[in-house]
């Protein structure tokens, strides 16, 4: 399992609904139009699954997280640690 950033240039209710449906227990809304998503595969797989590649979910990009640092709410750091640790256990 990897963690991805999904970015939309603004409010995107279609994408938000699809993320909730496809990744019910594996996403976190960071801010409007910004999500963290944990899933299997590469960024294109997540884009395909969400309908971004086909354009059905509106404009958005998917980026694989290779590392992270910054200043954010503790819930963000806890979610990232949990999902990235789960990915390491899953890969073993």
C-alpha atoms as a PDB file:
ATOM      1  CA  UNK A   1       0.000   0.000   0.000  1.00  0.00           C
ATOM      2  CA  UNK A   2       1.223   3.488  -0.890  1.00  0.00           C
ATOM      3  CA  UNK A   3      -0.036   6.938   0.012  1.00  0.00           C
ATOM      4  CA  UNK A   4      -1.005   9.466  -2.648  1.00  0.00           C
ATOM      5  CA  UNK A   5      -1.970  13.121  -2.707  1.00  0.00           C
ATOM      6  CA  UNK A   6      -5.026  13.919  -4.833  1.00  0.00           C
ATOM      7  CA  UNK A   7      -5.300  17.587  -5.749  1.00  0.00           C
ATOM      8  CA  UNK A   8      -8.198  19.319  -7.435  1.00  0.00           C
ATOM      9  CA  UNK A   9      -7.989  23.022  -8.359  1.00  0.00           C
ATOM     10  CA  UNK A  10     -11.192  23.765  -6.464  1.00  0.00           C
ATOM     11  CA  UNK A  11     -14.318  22.215  -5.023  1.00  0.00           C
ATOM     12  CA  UNK A  12     -15.014  18.912  -6.758  1.00  0.00           C
ATOM     13  CA  UNK A  13     -18.072  17.116  -5.349  1.00  0.00           C
ATOM     14  CA  UNK A  14     -17.882  14.323  -7.949  1.00  0.00           C
ATOM     15  CA  UNK A  15     -14.290  13.500  -7.053  1.00  0.00           C
ATOM     16  CA  UNK A  16     -14.995  13.822  -3.330  1.00  0.00           C
ATOM     17  CA  UNK A  17     -17.898  11.378  -3.601  1.00  0.00           C
ATOM     18  CA  UNK A  18     -15.825   8.932  -5.646  1.00  0.00           C
ATOM     19  CA  UNK A  19     -12.938   9.039  -3.176  1.00  0.00           C
ATOM     20  CA  UNK A  20     -15.365   8.356  -0.332  1.00  0.00           C
ATOM     21  CA  UNK A  21     -16.908   5.456  -2.264  1.00  0.00           C
ATOM     22  CA  UNK A  22     -13.686   3.829  -3.544  1.00  0.00           C
ATOM     23  CA  UNK A  23     -11.444   4.506  -0.517  1.00  0.00           C
ATOM     24  CA  UNK A  24     -13.949   4.635   2.362  1.00  0.00           C
ATOM     25  CA  UNK A  25     -11.447   3.745   5.100  1.00  0.00           C
ATOM     26  CA  UNK A  26      -8.318   4.864   3.285  1.00  0.00           C
ATOM     27  CA  UNK A  27      -8.561   8.585   2.697  1.00  0.00           C
ATOM     28  CA  UNK A  28      -8.291  11.814   4.607  1.00  0.00           C
ATOM     29  CA  UNK A  29      -9.600  15.214   3.524  1.00  0.00           C
ATOM     30  CA  UNK A  30      -6.775  17.673   4.178  1.00  0.00           C
ATOM     31  CA  UNK A  31      -8.513  20.753   2.803  1.00  0.00           C
ATOM     32  CA  UNK A  32     -11.090  21.492   0.125  1.00  0.00           C
ATOM     33  CA  UNK A  33      -9.854  19.792  -3.050  1.00  0.00           C
ATOM     34  CA  UNK A  34      -6.944  18.081  -1.234  1.00  0.00           C
ATOM     35  CA  UNK A  35      -6.970  14.461  -0.096  1.00  0.00           C
ATOM     36  CA  UNK A  36      -4.549  11.843   1.117  1.00  0.00           C
ATOM     37  CA  UNK A  37      -5.438   8.412  -0.248  1.00  0.00           C
ATOM     38  CA  UNK A  38      -3.888   5.051   0.673  1.00  0.00           C
ATOM     39  CA  UNK A  39      -4.086   2.331  -1.947  1.00  0.00           C
ATOM     40  CA  UNK A  40      -2.317  -0.288  -3.999  1.00  0.00           C
ATOM     41  CA  UNK A  41      -0.597   0.418  -7.273  1.00  0.00           C
ATOM     42  CA  UNK A  42       0.882   3.548  -8.782  1.00  0.00           C
ATOM     43  CA  UNK A  43      -0.484   7.063  -9.218  1.00  0.00           C
ATOM     44  CA  UNK A  44      -2.049   6.148 -12.579  1.00  0.00           C
ATOM     45  CA  UNK A  45      -3.945   3.251 -10.965  1.00  0.00           C
ATOM     46  CA  UNK A  46      -5.459   5.625  -8.403  1.00  0.00           C
ATOM     47  CA  UNK A  47      -6.250   8.150 -11.136  1.00  0.00           C
ATOM     48  CA  UNK A  48      -7.945   5.422 -13.187  1.00  0.00           C
ATOM     49  CA  UNK A  49      -9.933   4.149 -10.198  1.00  0.00           C
ATOM     50  CA  UNK A  50     -11.178   7.652  -9.383  1.00  0.00           C
ATOM     51  CA  UNK A  51     -12.116   8.513 -12.964  1.00  0.00           C
ATOM     52  CA  UNK A  52      -9.531  11.280 -13.199  1.00  0.00           C
ATOM     53  CA  UNK A  53      -7.725   9.697 -16.160  1.00  0.00           C
ATOM     54  CA  UNK A  54     -10.958   9.439 -18.160  1.00  0.00           C
ATOM     55  CA  UNK A  55     -12.018  12.953 -17.161  1.00  0.00           C
ATOM     56  CA  UNK A  56     -15.244  11.822 -15.467  1.00  0.00           C
ATOM     57  CA  UNK A  57     -14.130  13.181 -12.082  1.00  0.00           C
ATOM     58  CA  UNK A  58     -13.107  16.611 -13.313  1.00  0.00           C
ATOM     59  CA  UNK A  59      -9.653  18.153 -13.144  1.00  0.00           C
ATOM     60  CA  UNK A  60      -7.231  16.673 -10.629  1.00  0.00           C
ATOM     61  CA  UNK A  61      -3.760  15.228 -10.276  1.00  0.00           C
ATOM     62  CA  UNK A  62      -2.462  12.288  -8.255  1.00  0.00           C
ATOM     63  CA  UNK A  63       1.023  12.309  -6.735  1.00  0.00           C
ATOM     64  CA  UNK A  64       2.770   9.442  -4.965  1.00  0.00           C
ATOM     65  CA  UNK A  65       4.208  10.388  -1.564  1.00  0.00           C
ATOM     66  CA  UNK A  66       7.882   9.458  -1.299  1.00  0.00           C
ATOM     67  CA  UNK A  67       8.537  11.490   1.821  1.00  0.00           C
ATOM     68  CA  UNK A  68       6.897  14.240   3.771  1.00  0.00           C
ATOM     69  CA  UNK A  69       7.622  17.084   6.136  1.00  0.00           C
ATOM     70  CA  UNK A  70       5.863  20.221   7.239  1.00  0.00           C
ATOM     71  CA  UNK A  71       3.514  21.722   9.766  1.00  0.00           C
ATOM     72  CA  UNK A  72      -0.028  20.363   9.974  1.00  0.00           C
ATOM     73  CA  UNK A  73      -2.690  19.151  12.345  1.00  0.00           C
ATOM     74  CA  UNK A  74      -1.601  16.105  14.394  1.00  0.00           C
ATOM     75  CA  UNK A  75      -4.365  14.059  12.775  1.00  0.00           C
ATOM     76  CA  UNK A  76      -2.559  14.363   9.413  1.00  0.00           C
ATOM     77  CA  UNK A  77       0.722  13.033  10.830  1.00  0.00           C
ATOM     78  CA  UNK A  78      -1.040  10.216  12.663  1.00  0.00           C
ATOM     79  CA  UNK A  79      -2.978   9.191   9.542  1.00  0.00           C
ATOM     80  CA  UNK A  80       0.180   9.236   7.407  1.00  0.00           C
ATOM     81  CA  UNK A  81       2.140   7.206   9.951  1.00  0.00           C
ATOM     82  CA  UNK A  82      -0.670   4.655  10.247  1.00  0.00           C
ATOM     83  CA  UNK A  83      -1.138   4.210   6.487  1.00  0.00           C
ATOM     84  CA  UNK A  84       2.565   4.174   5.642  1.00  0.00           C
ATOM     85  CA  UNK A  85       3.264   1.666   8.426  1.00  0.00           C
ATOM     86  CA  UNK A  86       0.372  -0.486   7.189  1.00  0.00           C
ATOM     87  CA  UNK A  87       1.932  -0.365   3.726  1.00  0.00           C
ATOM     88  CA  UNK A  88       5.241  -1.603   5.091  1.00  0.00           C
ATOM     89  CA  UNK A  89       3.535  -4.492   6.885  1.00  0.00           C
ATOM     90  CA  UNK A  90       1.540  -5.260   3.725  1.00  0.00           C
ATOM     91  CA  UNK A  91       4.739  -5.417   1.638  1.00  0.00           C
ATOM     92  CA  UNK A  92       6.466  -7.876   4.000  1.00  0.00           C
END
